[in-house]
Amino acid sequence: MPSSTYAARRGELETYFDRTAAEAWMRLTSTAPVGRIRATVRAGRDEMRRTLLSCLPADLTGRRLLDAGCGTGALALEAARRGAHVTAIDLSSRLVSLAAERAAGDYGAGHVDFRTGDMQDPALGEFDHVVAMDSLIHYRAPDAVAVLEGLAARTRHSMLVTFAPRTPLLAAMHAIGQLFPRCNRSPAIEPVGEAWLTRLVASRLPGWQCGRTQRVTAGFYISQALELRRV
């Protein structure tokens, strides 16, 4: 069961991405011109998506993949074109609708089932791989690991997640963000130390081990990929 802090933050994220920032997010994830700061975020997200996809088999034919926090669906679509059967889920119904519209059924050899809801829903079934790109960075580390515990029980091979590394630059960005009016702020990112996170994963996810990790830094985008593998 989700904790009270997880549920509260989930509600904030749903409101933010469905209402406050929906138009900005749609533009950011398109090819439309954006300002300098958002351009760095776009470039960072593109690089992170490539990083996560590189951790998956080139041929995903017949494999089930959960895109947990799919946003506008770019990663889900690429996985489907490798042959995966993808369940792409996000809290924002507006972003999910846009994802399905952009995909236009062009899934290549695979398929994408776009859904609105919580990534923890057990009714989603079991998967070979789970990808959670920047969808857990707004949650406290214990809540994020609790989500991974639930997903691990239904995942056969690997989970690819990102977290916000605890760095001086990221701390400075958060301080700058506090200068904006509260109504214009995105839900806070929760930085975490890599060593502490890996110890927490080791203690809470028996039968899993940390694999490849890679940090992506592009201007105002800082995120770190972590591969978790079943052993």
Protein backbone atom coordinates (compact mmCIF):
# COMPACT_ATOMS: atom_id res chain seq x y z
CA MET A 1 0.00 0.00 0.00
CA PRO A 2 1.31 3.50 -0.79
CA SER A 3 2.36 5.63 2.18
CA SER A 4 0.63 8.90 3.00
CA THR A 5 3.64 10.84 1.70
CA TYR A 6 3.60 8.89 -1.57
CA ALA A 7 -0.14 9.48 -2.02
CA ALA A 8 0.20 13.20 -1.27
CA ARG A 9 3.02 13.68 -3.76
CA ARG A 10 1.21 11.59 -6.37
CA GLY A 11 -1.74 13.98 -6.10
CA GLU A 12 0.55 17.00 -6.55
CA LEU A 13 2.13 15.44 -9.63
CA GLU A 14 -1.23 14.62 -11.20
CA THR A 15 -2.39 18.22 -10.73
CA TYR A 16 0.88 19.67 -12.02
CA PHE A 17 1.17 17.62 -15.19
CA ASP A 18 -2.55 17.58 -15.99
CA ARG A 19 -3.22 21.27 -15.33
CA THR A 20 -0.42 23.62 -14.29
CA ALA A 21 2.29 22.54 -16.73
CA ALA A 22 0.44 20.48 -19.33
CA GLU A 23 0.93 22.91 -22.23
CA ALA A 24 4.59 23.57 -21.36
CA TRP A 25 5.27 19.84 -21.11
CA MET A 26 3.60 19.16 -24.44
CA ARG A 27 5.82 21.78 -26.07
CA LEU A 28 8.96 20.55 -24.31
CA THR A 29 8.46 17.01 -25.62
CA SER A 30 7.78 18.15 -29.19
CA THR A 31 10.13 19.60 -31.80
CA ALA A 32 8.77 23.12 -31.33
CA PRO A 33 11.26 25.88 -30.48
CA VAL A 34 11.78 26.41 -26.75
CA GLY A 35 13.88 28.76 -24.62
CA ARG A 36 17.50 28.13 -23.72
CA ILE A 37 16.82 26.53 -20.33
CA ARG A 38 14.11 24.23 -21.63
CA ALA A 39 16.31 23.32 -24.58
CA THR A 40 18.89 21.91 -22.14
CA VAL A 41 16.15 19.94 -20.38
CA ARG A 42 14.96 18.56 -23.71
CA ALA A 43 18.50 17.56 -24.68
CA GLY A 44 19.08 15.92 -21.29
CA ARG A 45 15.86 13.95 -21.49
CA ASP A 46 16.69 12.77 -25.01
CA GLU A 47 20.09 11.57 -23.83
CA MET A 48 18.61 9.84 -20.78
CA ARG A 49 16.04 8.07 -22.92
CA ARG A 50 18.82 6.78 -25.18
CA THR A 51 20.78 5.68 -22.12
CA LEU A 52 17.88 3.68 -20.71
CA LEU A 53 17.03 2.12 -24.05
CA SER A 54 20.67 1.04 -24.45
CA CYS A 55 20.24 -1.12 -21.33
CA LEU A 56 17.45 -3.10 -22.99
CA PRO A 57 17.90 -5.88 -25.56
CA ALA A 58 18.00 -4.64 -29.14
CA ASP A 59 15.34 -7.24 -29.96
CA LEU A 60 12.39 -7.09 -27.56
CA THR A 61 10.11 -9.33 -29.60
CA GLY A 62 7.52 -10.96 -27.37
CA ARG A 63 8.68 -9.21 -24.21
CA ARG A 64 6.39 -7.22 -21.93
CA LEU A 65 7.63 -3.83 -20.81
CA LEU A 66 6.12 -1.36 -18.36
CA ASP A 67 6.83 2.29 -19.09
CA ALA A 68 6.08 3.66 -15.62
CA GLY A 69 5.43 7.36 -16.00
CA CYS A 70 5.35 7.35 -19.80
CA GLY A 71 4.68 11.07 -20.32
CA THR A 72 4.19 11.70 -24.02
CA GLY A 73 5.30 8.19 -24.97
CA ALA A 74 8.64 8.53 -26.78
CA LEU A 75 10.35 5.69 -24.91
CA ALA A 76 7.31 3.43 -25.14
CA LEU A 77 7.15 3.90 -28.88
CA GLU A 78 10.84 3.10 -29.37
CA ALA A 79 10.51 -0.08 -27.29
CA ALA A 80 7.48 -1.14 -29.32
CA ARG A 81 9.42 -0.66 -32.53
CA ARG A 82 11.93 -3.17 -31.14
CA GLY A 83 9.06 -5.65 -30.81
CA ALA A 84 7.96 -5.13 -27.19
CA HIS A 85 4.41 -5.26 -25.92
CA VAL A 86 4.41 -2.06 -23.86
CA THR A 87 2.05 -0.95 -21.14
CA ALA A 88 2.60 2.81 -20.92
CA ILE A 89 1.03 4.42 -17.87
CA ASP A 90 1.03 7.93 -16.47
CA LEU A 91 -0.93 9.91 -13.88
CA SER A 92 -1.71 12.64 -16.42
CA SER A 93 -4.63 11.83 -18.68
CA ARG A 94 -3.70 14.80 -20.91
CA LEU A 95 -0.19 13.52 -21.51
CA VAL A 96 -1.41 9.97 -22.11
CA SER A 97 -3.93 11.23 -24.68
CA LEU A 98 -1.19 13.20 -26.40
CA ALA A 99 1.10 10.15 -26.38
CA ALA A 100 -1.52 8.01 -28.11
CA GLU A 101 -2.20 10.78 -30.61
CA ARG A 102 1.48 11.19 -31.47
CA ALA A 103 2.00 7.44 -31.82
CA ALA A 104 -0.95 7.18 -34.20
CA GLY A 105 -0.80 3.38 -33.97
CA ASP A 106 2.63 3.26 -35.62
CA TYR A 107 4.15 0.71 -33.25
CA GLY A 108 6.29 -1.26 -35.67
CA ALA A 109 6.56 -4.93 -34.67
CA GLY A 110 5.24 -4.36 -31.14
CA HIS A 111 2.30 -2.72 -29.47
CA VAL A 112 1.60 0.01 -26.89
CA ASP A 113 -1.32 0.04 -24.50
CA PHE A 114 -1.57 3.61 -23.19
CA ARG A 115 -3.26 3.95 -19.79
CA THR A 116 -3.93 6.61 -17.17
CA GLY A 117 -3.29 5.52 -13.59
CA ASP A 118 -0.74 4.52 -10.97
CA MET A 119 2.35 2.51 -11.93
CA GLN A 120 1.84 0.39 -8.79
CA ASP A 121 -1.51 -1.04 -9.92
CA PRO A 122 -1.15 -4.86 -9.66
CA ALA A 123 -3.86 -5.25 -12.30
CA LEU A 124 -1.25 -4.20 -14.87
CA GLY A 125 0.17 -7.72 -14.60
CA GLU A 126 3.73 -9.02 -14.91
CA PHE A 127 6.57 -7.74 -17.06
CA ASP A 128 9.99 -8.70 -18.38
CA HIS A 129 11.32 -5.17 -18.00
CA VAL A 130 10.25 -1.98 -16.24
CA VAL A 131 11.47 1.51 -17.15
CA ALA A 132 10.77 4.48 -14.87
CA MET A 133 12.38 7.53 -16.43
CA ASP A 134 12.25 10.56 -14.11
CA SER A 135 8.95 9.34 -12.65
CA LEU A 136 10.26 8.54 -9.14
CA ILE A 137 12.52 11.58 -8.70
CA HIS A 138 9.75 13.55 -6.95
CA TYR A 139 9.26 10.93 -4.21
CA ARG A 140 11.23 10.44 -1.02
CA ALA A 141 13.78 7.65 -1.42
CA PRO A 142 11.96 5.24 0.95
CA ASP A 143 8.73 5.74 -1.02
CA ALA A 144 10.53 5.28 -4.34
CA VAL A 145 12.15 2.05 -3.14
CA ALA A 146 8.78 0.84 -1.84
CA VAL A 147 7.40 1.32 -5.35
CA LEU A 148 10.35 -0.66 -6.74
CA GLU A 149 9.66 -3.44 -4.23
CA GLY A 150 6.16 -3.81 -5.61
CA LEU A 151 7.33 -3.69 -9.21
CA ALA A 152 10.17 -6.14 -8.55
CA ALA A 153 7.69 -8.79 -7.45
CA ARG A 154 6.13 -8.61 -10.93
CA THR A 155 9.28 -8.19 -13.05
CA ARG A 156 11.28 -11.06 -14.53
CA HIS A 157 14.53 -9.51 -15.76
CA SER A 158 15.37 -5.84 -15.18
CA MET A 159 14.18 -2.48 -13.90
CA LEU A 160 15.68 0.74 -15.23
CA VAL A 161 15.08 3.78 -13.06
CA THR A 162 16.42 7.29 -12.68
CA PHE A 163 17.07 9.31 -9.56
CA ALA A 164 18.19 12.85 -8.79
CA PRO A 165 21.81 12.64 -7.60
CA ARG A 166 22.73 14.76 -4.60
CA THR A 167 25.10 17.37 -6.09
CA PRO A 168 25.94 21.02 -5.26
CA LEU A 169 24.66 22.09 -8.69
CA LEU A 170 21.29 20.41 -8.17
CA ALA A 171 21.01 21.97 -4.71
CA ALA A 172 21.65 25.40 -6.24
CA MET A 173 18.95 24.82 -8.85
CA HIS A 174 16.47 23.93 -6.12
CA ALA A 175 17.33 27.13 -4.26
CA ILE A 176 16.71 29.16 -7.42
CA GLY A 177 13.40 27.36 -7.89
CA GLN A 178 12.22 28.56 -4.49
CA LEU A 179 12.31 32.14 -5.83
CA PHE A 180 9.39 31.47 -8.17
CA PRO A 181 5.78 31.91 -6.99
CA ARG A 182 4.49 28.71 -5.42
CA CYS A 183 1.77 28.30 -8.04
CA ASN A 184 4.44 28.18 -10.77
CA ARG A 185 6.70 25.62 -9.14
CA SER A 186 6.88 22.01 -10.13
CA PRO A 187 6.69 19.46 -7.30
CA ALA A 188 10.09 19.35 -5.63
CA ILE A 189 12.71 16.86 -6.78
CA GLU A 190 14.11 14.69 -3.98
CA PRO A 191 17.92 14.37 -4.35
CA VAL A 192 19.49 11.19 -3.01
CA GLY A 193 23.06 9.96 -2.54
CA GLU A 194 23.94 7.08 -4.87
CA ALA A 195 25.72 5.00 -2.20
CA TRP A 196 22.83 5.36 0.24
CA LEU A 197 20.29 4.47 -2.45
CA THR A 198 22.17 1.35 -3.55
CA ARG A 199 22.41 0.20 0.08
CA LEU A 200 18.68 0.75 0.48
CA VAL A 201 17.97 -1.25 -2.68
CA ALA A 202 20.25 -4.07 -1.50
CA SER A 203 18.43 -4.32 1.83
CA ARG A 204 14.91 -4.02 0.46
CA LEU A 205 15.09 -5.93 -2.85
CA PRO A 206 16.50 -9.41 -2.18
CA GLY A 207 17.28 -11.27 -5.39
CA TRP A 208 18.15 -8.06 -7.22
CA GLN A 209 21.48 -6.33 -7.79
CA CYS A 210 22.55 -2.93 -9.08
CA GLY A 211 24.12 -2.94 -12.52
CA ARG A 212 25.05 -0.14 -14.86
CA THR A 213 24.70 3.45 -13.67
CA GLN A 214 25.19 6.62 -15.68
CA ARG A 215 24.67 10.31 -14.94
CA VAL A 216 23.27 12.68 -17.55
CA THR A 217 23.94 16.40 -17.10
CA ALA A 218 22.75 18.93 -19.66
CA GLY A 219 22.34 22.47 -18.35
CA PHE A 220 19.31 22.44 -16.08
CA TYR A 221 18.78 18.69 -16.48
CA ILE A 222 20.58 16.39 -14.03
CA SER A 223 19.49 12.80 -13.57
CA GLN A 224 21.16 9.44 -13.04
CA ALA A 225 20.19 6.12 -14.55
CA LEU A 226 20.38 2.95 -12.46
CA GLU A 227 19.96 -0.57 -13.79
CA LEU A 228 18.55 -3.20 -11.43
CA ARG A 229 18.86 -6.84 -12.48
CA ARG A 230 17.27 -9.99 -11.12
CA VAL A 231 19.89 -12.55 -10.07
